[in-house]
PDB file of N, CA and C in Angstrom:
ATOM      1  N   MET A   1     -28.155  19.832  14.000  1.00  0.00           N
ATOM      2  CA  MET A   1     -27.022  18.943  13.868  1.00  0.00           C
ATOM      3  C   MET A   1     -27.239  17.956  12.721  1.00  0.00           C
ATOM      4  N   ILE A   2     -28.451  17.475  12.573  1.00  0.00           N
ATOM      5  CA  ILE A   2     -28.726  16.487  11.523  1.00  0.00           C
ATOM      6  C   ILE A   2     -28.557  17.107  10.141  1.00  0.00           C
ATOM      7  N   SER A   3     -29.060  18.329   9.958  1.00  0.00           N
ATOM      8  CA  SER A   3     -28.940  18.950   8.632  1.00  0.00           C
ATOM      9  C   SER A   3     -27.493  19.294   8.298  1.00  0.00           C
ATOM     10  N   SER A   4     -26.713  19.731   9.293  1.00  0.00           N
ATOM     11  CA  SER A   4     -25.305  20.031   9.002  1.00  0.00           C
ATOM     12  C   SER A   4     -24.526  18.755   8.697  1.00  0.00           C
ATOM     13  N   THR A   5     -24.935  17.638   9.275  1.00  0.00           N
ATOM     14  CA  THR A   5     -24.287  16.368   8.970  1.00  0.00           C
ATOM     15  C   THR A   5     -24.661  15.898   7.569  1.00  0.00           C
ATOM     16  N   LEU A   6     -25.952  15.931   7.253  1.00  0.00           N
ATOM     17  CA  LEU A   6     -26.405  15.443   5.944  1.00  0.00           C
ATOM     18  C   LEU A   6     -25.934  16.320   4.792  1.00  0.00           C
ATOM     19  N   PHE A   7     -25.801  17.634   5.048  1.00  0.00           N
ATOM     20  CA  PHE A   7     -25.349  18.552   3.998  1.00  0.00           C
ATOM     21  C   PHE A   7     -23.851  18.819   4.068  1.00  0.00           C
ATOM     22  N   LEU A   8     -23.144  18.031   4.898  1.00  0.00           N
ATOM     23  CA  LEU A   8     -21.682  18.042   4.970  1.00  0.00           C
ATOM     24  C   LEU A   8     -21.126  19.423   5.309  1.00  0.00           C
ATOM     25  N   LYS A   9     -21.581  19.962   6.433  1.00  0.00           N
ATOM     26  CA  LYS A   9     -21.126  21.267   6.912  1.00  0.00           C
ATOM     27  C   LYS A   9     -20.228  21.092   8.129  1.00  0.00           C
ATOM     28  N   CYS A  10     -19.574  22.156   8.523  1.00  0.00           N
ATOM     29  CA  CYS A  10     -18.641  22.175   9.654  1.00  0.00           C
ATOM     30  C   CYS A  10     -19.363  21.777  10.946  1.00  0.00           C
ATOM     31  N   PRO A  11     -18.746  20.920  11.776  1.00  0.00           N
ATOM     32  CA  PRO A  11     -19.392  20.537  13.027  1.00  0.00           C
ATOM     33  C   PRO A  11     -19.450  21.662  14.059  1.00  0.00           C
ATOM     34  N   GLN A  12     -18.549  22.630  13.964  1.00  0.00           N
ATOM     35  CA  GLN A  12     -18.519  23.702  14.964  1.00  0.00           C
ATOM     36  C   GLN A  12     -19.459  24.844  14.621  1.00  0.00           C
ATOM     37  N   CYS A  13     -19.335  25.422  13.434  1.00  0.00           N
ATOM     38  CA  CYS A  13     -20.184  26.566  13.074  1.00  0.00           C
ATOM     39  C   CYS A  13     -21.401  26.152  12.253  1.00  0.00           C
ATOM     40  N   ARG A  14     -21.365  24.965  11.678  1.00  0.00           N
ATOM     41  CA  ARG A  14     -22.440  24.392  10.860  1.00  0.00           C
ATOM     42  C   ARG A  14     -22.766  25.225   9.623  1.00  0.00           C
ATOM     43  N   GLN A  15     -21.767  25.970   9.137  1.00  0.00           N
ATOM     44  CA  GLN A  15     -21.956  26.788   7.941  1.00  0.00           C
ATOM     45  C   GLN A  15     -20.899  26.514   6.879  1.00  0.00           C
ATOM     46  N   GLY A  16     -19.664  26.332   7.275  1.00  0.00           N
ATOM     47  CA  GLY A  16     -18.572  26.137   6.329  1.00  0.00           C
ATOM     48  C   GLY A  16     -18.594  24.753   5.707  1.00  0.00           C
ATOM     49  N   ALA A  17     -18.010  24.657   4.541  1.00  0.00           N
ATOM     50  CA  ALA A  17     -17.951  23.372   3.824  1.00  0.00           C
ATOM     51  C   ALA A  17     -16.995  22.420   4.536  1.00  0.00           C
ATOM     52  N   PHE A  18     -17.369  21.155   4.567  1.00  0.00           N
ATOM     53  CA  PHE A  18     -16.568  20.126   5.231  1.00  0.00           C
ATOM     54  C   PHE A  18     -15.615  19.439   4.255  1.00  0.00           C
ATOM     55  N   LEU A  19     -16.062  19.229   3.025  1.00  0.00           N
ATOM     56  CA  LEU A  19     -15.256  18.552   2.019  1.00  0.00           C
ATOM     57  C   LEU A  19     -14.704  19.547   1.010  1.00  0.00           C
ATOM     58  N   GLU A  20     -13.628  19.147   0.347  1.00  0.00           N
ATOM     59  CA  GLU A  20     -13.040  20.009  -0.673  1.00  0.00           C
ATOM     60  C   GLU A  20     -13.875  20.071  -1.937  1.00  0.00           C
ATOM     61  N   ALA A  21     -14.602  19.007  -2.248  1.00  0.00           N
ATOM     62  CA  ALA A  21     -15.411  18.960  -3.468  1.00  0.00           C
ATOM     63  C   ALA A  21     -16.654  18.116  -3.197  1.00  0.00           C
ATOM     64  N   HIS A  22     -17.525  18.062  -4.162  1.00  0.00           N
ATOM     65  CA  HIS A  22     -18.736  17.246  -4.072  1.00  0.00           C
ATOM     66  C   HIS A  22     -18.339  15.778  -3.911  1.00  0.00           C
ATOM     67  N   PRO A  23     -19.095  14.998  -3.129  1.00  0.00           N
ATOM     68  CA  PRO A  23     -18.711  13.590  -2.932  1.00  0.00           C
ATOM     69  C   PRO A  23     -18.598  12.768  -4.214  1.00  0.00           C
ATOM     70  N   HIS A  24     -19.349  13.118  -5.248  1.00  0.00           N
ATOM     71  CA  HIS A  24     -19.284  12.354  -6.492  1.00  0.00           C
ATOM     72  C   HIS A  24     -18.196  12.849  -7.447  1.00  0.00           C
ATOM     73  N   ASN A  25     -17.384  13.808  -7.019  1.00  0.00           N
ATOM     74  CA  ASN A  25     -16.231  14.258  -7.791  1.00  0.00           C
ATOM     75  C   ASN A  25     -15.094  13.272  -7.504  1.00  0.00           C
ATOM     76  N   PHE A  26     -14.852  12.354  -8.426  1.00  0.00           N
ATOM     77  CA  PHE A  26     -13.938  11.246  -8.160  1.00  0.00           C
ATOM     78  C   PHE A  26     -12.478  11.654  -8.068  1.00  0.00           C
ATOM     79  N   SER A  27     -12.096  12.814  -8.556  1.00  0.00           N
ATOM     80  CA  SER A  27     -10.688  13.221  -8.460  1.00  0.00           C
ATOM     81  C   SER A  27     -10.300  13.579  -7.025  1.00  0.00           C
ATOM     82  N   SER A  28     -11.239  14.118  -6.259  1.00  0.00           N
ATOM     83  CA  SER A  28     -10.952  14.429  -4.845  1.00  0.00           C
ATOM     84  C   SER A  28     -12.082  13.907  -3.969  1.00  0.00           C
ATOM     85  N   MET A  29     -12.447  12.660  -4.187  1.00  0.00           N
ATOM     86  CA  MET A  29     -13.598  12.069  -3.511  1.00  0.00           C
ATOM     87  C   MET A  29     -13.388  11.991  -2.002  1.00  0.00           C
ATOM     88  N   ASN A  30     -14.319  12.588  -1.279  1.00  0.00           N
ATOM     89  CA  ASN A  30     -14.371  12.547   0.188  1.00  0.00           C
ATOM     90  C   ASN A  30     -13.113  13.091   0.863  1.00  0.00           C
ATOM     91  N   LYS A  31     -12.438  14.015   0.220  1.00  0.00           N
ATOM     92  CA  LYS A  31     -11.255  14.621   0.816  1.00  0.00           C
ATOM     93  C   LYS A  31     -11.698  15.762   1.736  1.00  0.00           C
ATOM     94  N   VAL A  32     -11.356  15.650   2.997  1.00  0.00           N
ATOM     95  CA  VAL A  32     -11.754  16.630   3.998  1.00  0.00           C
ATOM     96  C   VAL A  32     -10.822  17.829   3.937  1.00  0.00           C
ATOM     97  N   LYS A  33     -11.402  19.034   4.060  1.00  0.00           N
ATOM     98  CA  LYS A  33     -10.587  20.251   4.088  1.00  0.00           C
ATOM     99  C   LYS A  33      -9.713  20.267   5.337  1.00  0.00           C
ATOM    100  N   LYS A  34      -8.655  21.075   5.309  1.00  0.00           N
ATOM    101  CA  LYS A  34      -7.781  21.196   6.478  1.00  0.00           C
ATOM    102  C   LYS A  34      -8.430  22.052   7.563  1.00  0.00           C
ATOM    103  N   HIS A  35      -9.105  23.129   7.130  1.00  0.00           N
ATOM    104  CA  HIS A  35      -9.743  24.058   8.066  1.00  0.00           C
ATOM    105  C   HIS A  35     -11.111  24.459   7.527  1.00  0.00           C
ATOM    106  N   CYS A  36     -11.980  24.880   8.431  1.00  0.00           N
ATOM    107  CA  CYS A  36     -13.291  25.404   8.027  1.00  0.00           C
ATOM    108  C   CYS A  36     -13.100  26.793   7.429  1.00  0.00           C
ATOM    109  N   PRO A  37     -13.711  27.084   6.274  1.00  0.00           N
ATOM    110  CA  PRO A  37     -13.558  28.411   5.685  1.00  0.00           C
ATOM    111  C   PRO A  37     -14.265  29.512   6.467  1.00  0.00           C
ATOM    112  N   LYS A  38     -15.212  29.174   7.335  1.00  0.00           N
ATOM    113  CA  LYS A  38     -15.951  30.186   8.109  1.00  0.00           C
ATOM    114  C   LYS A  38     -15.335  30.439   9.484  1.00  0.00           C
ATOM    115  N   CYS A  39     -15.148  29.368  10.266  1.00  0.00           N
ATOM    116  CA  CYS A  39     -14.684  29.549  11.649  1.00  0.00           C
ATOM    117  C   CYS A  39     -13.231  29.120  11.869  1.00  0.00           C
ATOM    118  N   ASN A  40     -12.569  28.621  10.844  1.00  0.00           N
ATOM    119  CA  ASN A  40     -11.166  28.218  10.881  1.00  0.00           C
ATOM    120  C   ASN A  40     -10.899  27.032  11.822  1.00  0.00           C
ATOM    121  N   LEU A  41     -11.903  26.197  12.034  1.00  0.00           N
ATOM    122  CA  LEU A  41     -11.727  24.998  12.845  1.00  0.00           C
ATOM    123  C   LEU A  41     -10.821  24.022  12.111  1.00  0.00           C
ATOM    124  N   LYS A  42      -9.869  23.452  12.824  1.00  0.00           N
ATOM    125  CA  LYS A  42      -8.976  22.455  12.231  1.00  0.00           C
ATOM    126  C   LYS A  42      -9.718  21.122  12.205  1.00  0.00           C
ATOM    127  N   TYR A  43      -9.956  20.591  11.001  1.00  0.00           N
ATOM    128  CA  TYR A  43     -10.702  19.349  10.837  1.00  0.00           C
ATOM    129  C   TYR A  43      -9.876  18.111  11.146  1.00  0.00           C
ATOM    130  N   ARG A  44      -8.604  18.163  10.893  1.00  0.00           N
ATOM    131  CA  ARG A  44      -7.740  17.001  11.095  1.00  0.00           C
ATOM    132  C   ARG A  44      -7.084  17.101  12.466  1.00  0.00           C
ATOM    133  N   ILE A  45      -7.670  16.430  13.418  1.00  0.00           N
ATOM    134  CA  ILE A  45      -7.176  16.486  14.789  1.00  0.00           C
ATOM    135  C   ILE A  45      -5.840  15.757  14.912  1.00  0.00           C
ATOM    136  N   GLU A  46      -5.760  14.599  14.296  1.00  0.00           N
ATOM    137  CA  GLU A  46      -4.541  13.800  14.336  1.00  0.00           C
ATOM    138  C   GLU A  46      -4.466  12.979  13.055  1.00  0.00           C
ATOM    139  N   PRO A  47      -3.297  12.423  12.745  1.00  0.00           N
ATOM    140  CA  PRO A  47      -3.207  11.563  11.557  1.00  0.00           C
ATOM    141  C   PRO A  47      -4.140  10.355  11.691  1.00  0.00           C
ATOM    142  N   SER A  48      -4.748   9.989  10.612  1.00  0.00           N
ATOM    143  CA  SER A  48      -5.671   8.849  10.556  1.00  0.00           C
ATOM    144  C   SER A  48      -6.893   9.034  11.447  1.00  0.00           C
ATOM    145  N   PHE A  49      -7.297  10.272  11.706  1.00  0.00           N
ATOM    146  CA  PHE A  49      -8.471  10.542  12.533  1.00  0.00           C
ATOM    147  C   PHE A  49      -9.735   9.956  11.919  1.00  0.00           C
ATOM    148  N   TYR A  50      -9.867  10.051  10.599  1.00  0.00           N
ATOM    149  CA  TYR A  50     -11.100   9.620   9.936  1.00  0.00           C
ATOM    150  C   TYR A  50     -11.121   8.115   9.623  1.00  0.00           C
ATOM    151  N   THR A  51     -10.140   7.363  10.091  1.00  0.00           N
ATOM    152  CA  THR A  51     -10.164   5.923   9.911  1.00  0.00           C
ATOM    153  C   THR A  51     -11.341   5.310  10.675  1.00  0.00           C
ATOM    154  N   GLY A  52     -11.685   5.896  11.794  1.00  0.00           N
ATOM    155  CA  GLY A  52     -12.816   5.407  12.585  1.00  0.00           C
ATOM    156  C   GLY A  52     -14.156   5.565  11.894  1.00  0.00           C
ATOM    157  N   SER A  53     -14.194   6.410  10.881  1.00  0.00           N
ATOM    158  CA  SER A  53     -15.462   6.609  10.169  1.00  0.00           C
ATOM    159  C   SER A  53     -15.850   5.379   9.352  1.00  0.00           C
ATOM    160  N   MET A  54     -14.928   4.425   9.204  1.00  0.00           N
ATOM    161  CA  MET A  54     -15.277   3.184   8.508  1.00  0.00           C
ATOM    162  C   MET A  54     -16.357   2.419   9.258  1.00  0.00           C
ATOM    163  N   TYR A  55     -16.322   2.482  10.596  1.00  0.00           N
ATOM    164  CA  TYR A  55     -17.351   1.812  11.391  1.00  0.00           C
ATOM    165  C   TYR A  55     -18.702   2.478  11.186  1.00  0.00           C
ATOM    166  N   VAL A  56     -18.704   3.784  11.101  1.00  0.00           N
ATOM    167  CA  VAL A  56     -19.937   4.519  10.846  1.00  0.00           C
ATOM    168  C   VAL A  56     -20.427   4.224   9.435  1.00  0.00           C
ATOM    169  N   SER A  57     -19.511   4.107   8.491  1.00  0.00           N
ATOM    170  CA  SER A  57     -19.856   3.819   7.104  1.00  0.00           C
ATOM    171  C   SER A  57     -20.587   2.489   6.980  1.00  0.00           C
ATOM    172  N   TYR A  58     -20.181   1.512   7.765  1.00  0.00           N
ATOM    173  CA  TYR A  58     -20.862   0.218   7.741  1.00  0.00           C
ATOM    174  C   TYR A  58     -22.325   0.381   8.155  1.00  0.00           C
ATOM    175  N   GLY A  59     -22.571   1.123   9.222  1.00  0.00           N
ATOM    176  CA  GLY A  59     -23.939   1.346   9.684  1.00  0.00           C
ATOM    177  C   GLY A  59     -24.772   2.131   8.694  1.00  0.00           C
ATOM    178  N   VAL A  60     -24.182   3.140   8.083  1.00  0.00           N
ATOM    179  CA  VAL A  60     -24.902   3.941   7.090  1.00  0.00           C
ATOM    180  C   VAL A  60     -25.209   3.092   5.860  1.00  0.00           C
ATOM    181  N   GLY A  61     -24.278   2.240   5.463  1.00  0.00           N
ATOM    182  CA  GLY A  61     -24.519   1.343   4.339  1.00  0.00           C
ATOM    183  C   GLY A  61     -25.652   0.369   4.621  1.00  0.00           C
ATOM    184  N   ILE A  62     -25.709  -0.145   5.851  1.00  0.00           N
ATOM    185  CA  ILE A  62     -26.805  -1.026   6.244  1.00  0.00           C
ATOM    186  C   ILE A  62     -28.128  -0.270   6.196  1.00  0.00           C
ATOM    187  N   ALA A  63     -28.132   0.995   6.602  1.00  0.00           N
ATOM    188  CA  ALA A  63     -29.359   1.798   6.546  1.00  0.00           C
ATOM    189  C   ALA A  63     -29.827   1.986   5.105  1.00  0.00           C
ATOM    190  N   PHE A  64     -28.902   2.249   4.185  1.00  0.00           N
ATOM    191  CA  PHE A  64     -29.265   2.398   2.773  1.00  0.00           C
ATOM    192  C   PHE A  64     -29.783   1.078   2.202  1.00  0.00           C
ATOM    193  N   ALA A  65     -29.148  -0.024   2.562  1.00  0.00           N
ATOM    194  CA  ALA A  65     -29.590  -1.335   2.072  1.00  0.00           C
ATOM    195  C   ALA A  65     -30.975  -1.672   2.613  1.00  0.00           C
ATOM    196  N   THR A  66     -31.225  -1.361   3.878  1.00  0.00           N
ATOM    197  CA  THR A  66     -32.538  -1.601   4.470  1.00  0.00           C
ATOM    198  C   THR A  66     -33.600  -0.741   3.802  1.00  0.00           C
ATOM    199  N   ALA A  67     -33.254   0.513   3.523  1.00  0.00           N
ATOM    200  CA  ALA A  67     -34.202   1.398   2.839  1.00  0.00           C
ATOM    201  C   ALA A  67     -34.529   0.872   1.441  1.00  0.00           C
ATOM    202  N   ALA A  68     -33.528   0.365   0.735  1.00  0.00           N
ATOM    203  CA  ALA A  68     -33.776  -0.203  -0.599  1.00  0.00           C
ATOM    204  C   ALA A  68     -34.691  -1.408  -0.507  1.00  0.00           C
ATOM    205  N   TYR A  69     -34.476  -2.243   0.497  1.00  0.00           N
ATOM    206  CA  TYR A  69     -35.330  -3.419   0.683  1.00  0.00           C
ATOM    207  C   TYR A  69     -36.761  -3.005   1.027  1.00  0.00           C
ATOM    208  N   MET A  70     -36.908  -1.982   1.867  1.00  0.00           N
ATOM    209  CA  MET A  70     -38.252  -1.512   2.226  1.00  0.00           C
ATOM    210  C   MET A  70     -38.989  -0.946   1.011  1.00  0.00           C
ATOM    211  N   VAL A  71     -38.281  -0.258   0.140  1.00  0.00           N
ATOM    212  CA  VAL A  71     -38.907   0.244  -1.089  1.00  0.00           C
ATOM    213  C   VAL A  71     -39.357  -0.925  -1.960  1.00  0.00           C
ATOM    214  N   LEU A  72     -38.530  -1.968  -2.050  1.00  0.00           N
ATOM    215  CA  LEU A  72     -38.929  -3.152  -2.810  1.00  0.00           C
ATOM    216  C   LEU A  72     -40.156  -3.827  -2.201  1.00  0.00           C
ATOM    217  N   LEU A  73     -40.213  -3.881  -0.879  1.00  0.00           N
ATOM    218  CA  LEU A  73     -41.388  -4.446  -0.221  1.00  0.00           C
ATOM    219  C   LEU A  73     -42.635  -3.623  -0.525  1.00  0.00           C
ATOM    220  N   PHE A  74     -42.493  -2.308  -0.466  1.00  0.00           N
ATOM    221  CA  PHE A  74     -43.618  -1.412  -0.736  1.00  0.00           C
ATOM    222  C   PHE A  74     -44.107  -1.561  -2.174  1.00  0.00           C
ATOM    223  N   LEU A  75     -43.175  -1.754  -3.106  1.00  0.00           N
ATOM    224  CA  LEU A  75     -43.540  -1.908  -4.513  1.00  0.00           C
ATOM    225  C   LEU A  75     -43.991  -3.328  -4.854  1.00  0.00           C
ATOM    226  N   GLY A  76     -43.837  -4.253  -3.926  1.00  0.00           N
ATOM    227  CA  GLY A  76     -44.229  -5.633  -4.167  1.00  0.00           C
ATOM    228  C   GLY A  76     -43.256  -6.419  -5.017  1.00  0.00           C
ATOM    229  N   ALA A  77     -42.004  -5.976  -5.089  1.00  0.00           N
ATOM    230  CA  ALA A  77     -41.012  -6.636  -5.938  1.00  0.00           C
ATOM    231  C   ALA A  77     -39.986  -7.418  -5.114  1.00  0.00           C
ATOM    232  N   ALA A  78     -40.295  -7.698  -3.847  1.00  0.00           N
ATOM    233  CA  ALA A  78     -39.328  -8.346  -2.970  1.00  0.00           C
ATOM    234  C   ALA A  78     -39.540  -9.854  -2.876  1.00  0.00           C
ATOM    235  N   SER A  79     -40.090 -10.456  -3.897  1.00  0.00           N
ATOM    236  CA  SER A  79     -40.333 -11.902  -3.837  1.00  0.00           C
ATOM    237  C   SER A  79     -39.149 -12.719  -4.362  1.00  0.00           C
ATOM    238  N   ASN A  80     -38.334 -12.124  -5.212  1.00  0.00           N
ATOM    239  CA  ASN A  80     -37.202 -12.821  -5.815  1.00  0.00           C
ATOM    240  C   ASN A  80     -35.895 -12.361  -5.145  1.00  0.00           C
ATOM    241  N   PRO A  81     -35.117 -13.272  -4.554  1.00  0.00           N
ATOM    242  CA  PRO A  81     -33.872 -12.867  -3.893  1.00  0.00           C
ATOM    243  C   PRO A  81     -32.855 -12.221  -4.838  1.00  0.00           C
ATOM    244  N   VAL A  82     -32.865 -12.606  -6.100  1.00  0.00           N
ATOM    245  CA  VAL A  82     -31.932 -12.005  -7.063  1.00  0.00           C
ATOM    246  C   VAL A  82     -32.280 -10.539  -7.282  1.00  0.00           C
ATOM    247  N   VAL A  83     -33.558 -10.225  -7.373  1.00  0.00           N
ATOM    248  CA  VAL A  83     -33.993  -8.834  -7.539  1.00  0.00           C
ATOM    249  C   VAL A  83     -33.606  -8.019  -6.315  1.00  0.00           C
ATOM    250  N   ILE A  84     -33.775  -8.584  -5.145  1.00  0.00           N
ATOM    251  CA  ILE A  84     -33.398  -7.884  -3.906  1.00  0.00           C
ATOM    252  C   ILE A  84     -31.894  -7.622  -3.892  1.00  0.00           C
ATOM    253  N   PHE A  85     -31.106  -8.633  -4.233  1.00  0.00           N
ATOM    254  CA  PHE A  85     -29.649  -8.484  -4.243  1.00  0.00           C
ATOM    255  C   PHE A  85     -29.200  -7.416  -5.238  1.00  0.00           C
ATOM    256  N   VAL A  86     -29.734  -7.470  -6.453  1.00  0.00           N
ATOM    257  CA  VAL A  86     -29.350  -6.496  -7.485  1.00  0.00           C
ATOM    258  C   VAL A  86     -29.758  -5.089  -7.078  1.00  0.00           C
ATOM    259  N   ALA A  87     -30.935  -4.945  -6.498  1.00  0.00           N
ATOM    260  CA  ALA A  87     -31.399  -3.613  -6.079  1.00  0.00           C
ATOM    261  C   ALA A  87     -30.514  -3.044  -4.977  1.00  0.00           C
ATOM    262  N   ILE A  88     -30.173  -3.858  -3.991  1.00  0.00           N
ATOM    263  CA  ILE A  88     -29.344  -3.373  -2.890  1.00  0.00           C
ATOM    264  C   ILE A  88     -27.941  -3.028  -3.373  1.00  0.00           C
ATOM    265  N   VAL A  89     -27.354  -3.870  -4.202  1.00  0.00           N
ATOM    266  CA  VAL A  89     -26.011  -3.587  -4.729  1.00  0.00           C
ATOM    267  C   VAL A  89     -26.025  -2.319  -5.583  1.00  0.00           C
ATOM    268  N   THR A  90     -27.072  -2.134  -6.375  1.00  0.00           N
ATOM    269  CA  THR A  90     -27.184  -0.935  -7.205  1.00  0.00           C
ATOM    270  C   THR A  90     -27.273   0.321  -6.352  1.00  0.00           C
ATOM    271  N   VAL A  91     -28.094   0.282  -5.318  1.00  0.00           N
ATOM    272  CA  VAL A  91     -28.227   1.443  -4.427  1.00  0.00           C
ATOM    273  C   VAL A  91     -26.899   1.749  -3.749  1.00  0.00           C
ATOM    274  N   LEU A  92     -26.224   0.725  -3.263  1.00  0.00           N
ATOM    275  CA  LEU A  92     -24.942   0.950  -2.585  1.00  0.00           C
ATOM    276  C   LEU A  92     -23.873   1.473  -3.537  1.00  0.00           C
ATOM    277  N   LEU A  93     -23.867   1.006  -4.771  1.00  0.00           N
ATOM    278  CA  LEU A  93     -22.889   1.516  -5.744  1.00  0.00           C
ATOM    279  C   LEU A  93     -23.173   2.963  -6.130  1.00  0.00           C
ATOM    280  N   LEU A  94     -24.441   3.306  -6.243  1.00  0.00           N
ATOM    281  CA  LEU A  94     -24.786   4.682  -6.597  1.00  0.00           C
ATOM    282  C   LEU A  94     -24.470   5.668  -5.476  1.00  0.00           C
ATOM    283  N   PHE A  95     -24.651   5.226  -4.243  1.00  0.00           N
ATOM    284  CA  PHE A  95     -24.507   6.138  -3.115  1.00  0.00           C
ATOM    285  C   PHE A  95     -23.213   5.972  -2.325  1.00  0.00           C
ATOM    286  N   PHE A  96     -22.282   5.124  -2.766  1.00  0.00           N
ATOM    287  CA  PHE A  96     -21.086   4.908  -1.959  1.00  0.00           C
ATOM    288  C   PHE A  96     -20.253   6.169  -1.730  1.00  0.00           C
ATOM    289  N   PRO A  97     -20.153   7.121  -2.680  1.00  0.00           N
ATOM    290  CA  PRO A  97     -19.400   8.345  -2.340  1.00  0.00           C
ATOM    291  C   PRO A  97     -20.086   9.158  -1.240  1.00  0.00           C
ATOM    292  N   TYR A  98     -21.417   9.244  -1.300  1.00  0.00           N
ATOM    293  CA  TYR A  98     -22.138   9.996  -0.269  1.00  0.00           C
ATOM    294  C   TYR A  98     -22.094   9.265   1.069  1.00  0.00           C
ATOM    295  N   ILE A  99     -22.157   7.951   1.057  1.00  0.00           N
ATOM    296  CA  ILE A  99     -22.086   7.181   2.298  1.00  0.00           C
ATOM    297  C   ILE A  99     -20.741   7.427   2.989  1.00  0.00           C
ATOM    298  N   GLY A 100     -19.663   7.432   2.221  1.00  0.00           N
ATOM    299  CA  GLY A 100     -18.346   7.711   2.794  1.00  0.00           C
ATOM    300  C   GLY A 100     -18.236   9.128   3.320  1.00  0.00           C
ATOM    301  N   ALA A 101     -18.802  10.083   2.589  1.00  0.00           N
ATOM    302  CA  ALA A 101     -18.729  11.486   3.012  1.00  0.00           C
ATOM    303  C   ALA A 101     -19.553  11.738   4.263  1.00  0.00           C
ATOM    304  N   VAL A 102     -20.771  11.225   4.290  1.00  0.00           N
ATOM    305  CA  VAL A 102     -21.615  11.465   5.455  1.00  0.00           C
ATOM    306  C   VAL A 102     -21.084  10.700   6.672  1.00  0.00           C
ATOM    307  N   SER A 103     -20.398   9.597   6.465  1.00  0.00           N
ATOM    308  CA  SER A 103     -19.785   8.871   7.579  1.00  0.00           C
ATOM    309  C   SER A 103     -18.659   9.692   8.203  1.00  0.00           C
ATOM    310  N   LYS A 104     -17.867  10.348   7.369  1.00  0.00           N
ATOM    311  CA  LYS A 104     -16.819  11.231   7.904  1.00  0.00           C
ATOM    312  C   LYS A 104     -17.427  12.417   8.631  1.00  0.00           C
ATOM    313  N   ALA A 105     -18.529  12.945   8.117  1.00  0.00           N
ATOM    314  CA  ALA A 105     -19.199  14.057   8.774  1.00  0.00           C
ATOM    315  C   ALA A 105     -19.779  13.635  10.121  1.00  0.00           C
ATOM    316  N   ILE A 106     -20.380  12.456  10.188  1.00  0.00           N
ATOM    317  CA  ILE A 106     -20.906  11.953  11.458  1.00  0.00           C
ATOM    318  C   ILE A 106     -19.765  11.764  12.453  1.00  0.00           C
ATOM    319  N   TRP A 107     -18.669  11.182  11.997  1.00  0.00           N
ATOM    320  CA  TRP A 107     -17.505  10.962  12.863  1.00  0.00           C
ATOM    321  C   TRP A 107     -16.978  12.295  13.406  1.00  0.00           C
ATOM    322  N   ALA A 108     -16.894  13.294  12.557  1.00  0.00           N
ATOM    323  CA  ALA A 108     -16.415  14.611  12.999  1.00  0.00           C
ATOM    324  C   ALA A 108     -17.398  15.254  13.966  1.00  0.00           C
ATOM    325  N   HIS A 109     -18.706  15.085  13.729  1.00  0.00           N
ATOM    326  CA  HIS A 109     -19.701  15.661  14.625  1.00  0.00           C
ATOM    327  C   HIS A 109     -19.697  14.990  15.994  1.00  0.00           C
ATOM    328  N   ILE A 110     -19.219  13.774  16.070  1.00  0.00           N
ATOM    329  CA  ILE A 110     -19.113  13.095  17.373  1.00  0.00           C
ATOM    330  C   ILE A 110     -18.017  13.728  18.209  1.00  0.00           C
ATOM    331  N   PHE A 111     -16.893  14.059  17.590  1.00  0.00           N
ATOM    332  CA  PHE A 111     -15.725  14.506  18.344  1.00  0.00           C
ATOM    333  C   PHE A 111     -15.531  16.032  18.358  1.00  0.00           C
ATOM    334  N   LEU A 112     -16.051  16.746  17.374  1.00  0.00           N
ATOM    335  CA  LEU A 112     -15.892  18.196  17.324  1.00  0.00           C
ATOM    336  C   LEU A 112     -17.234  18.827  17.694  1.00  0.00           C
ATOM    337  N   LYS A 113     -17.262  19.604  18.719  1.00  0.00           N
ATOM    338  CA  LYS A 113     -18.512  20.105  19.285  1.00  0.00           C
ATOM    339  C   LYS A 113     -18.959  21.421  18.663  1.00  0.00           C
ATOM    340  N   TYR A 114     -20.267  21.633  18.702  1.00  0.00           N
ATOM    341  CA  TYR A 114     -20.896  22.856  18.184  1.00  0.00           C
ATOM    342  C   TYR A 114     -20.571  24.027  19.077  1.00  0.00           C
ATOM    343  N   ASP A 115     -20.139  25.130  18.469  1.00  0.00           N
ATOM    344  CA  ASP A 115     -19.820  26.352  19.205  1.00  0.00           C
ATOM    345  C   ASP A 115     -20.099  27.548  18.295  1.00  0.00           C
ATOM    346  N   PRO A 116     -21.310  28.105  18.387  1.00  0.00           N
ATOM    347  CA  PRO A 116     -21.653  29.217  17.492  1.00  0.00           C
ATOM    348  C   PRO A 116     -20.861  30.440  17.852  1.00  0.00           C
TER     349      PRO A 116
END
């Protein structure tokens, strides 16, 4: 389940693509497909289904920010608050498309069950 979530695969068959394009493709960023290409699972259960993934996105963003801070601590560069702030903002800006995509995948994996 963890690998299908991180690699943005279908929650039911865990093989089909979940998004229409790569998360960093800004023309169709984080756009979820209508159906799974492998098992034909309908991804959109109801209108605004993925609005709840914003709550998951907050938690994932906090995890990325914490990881950036831990790397700074490990490197010994966490003594200046400005350096910490710039590092965390940089990490979040670089990974915001993936954070949004993986949040939608986590949200879908909560409500759509695995059925091989």
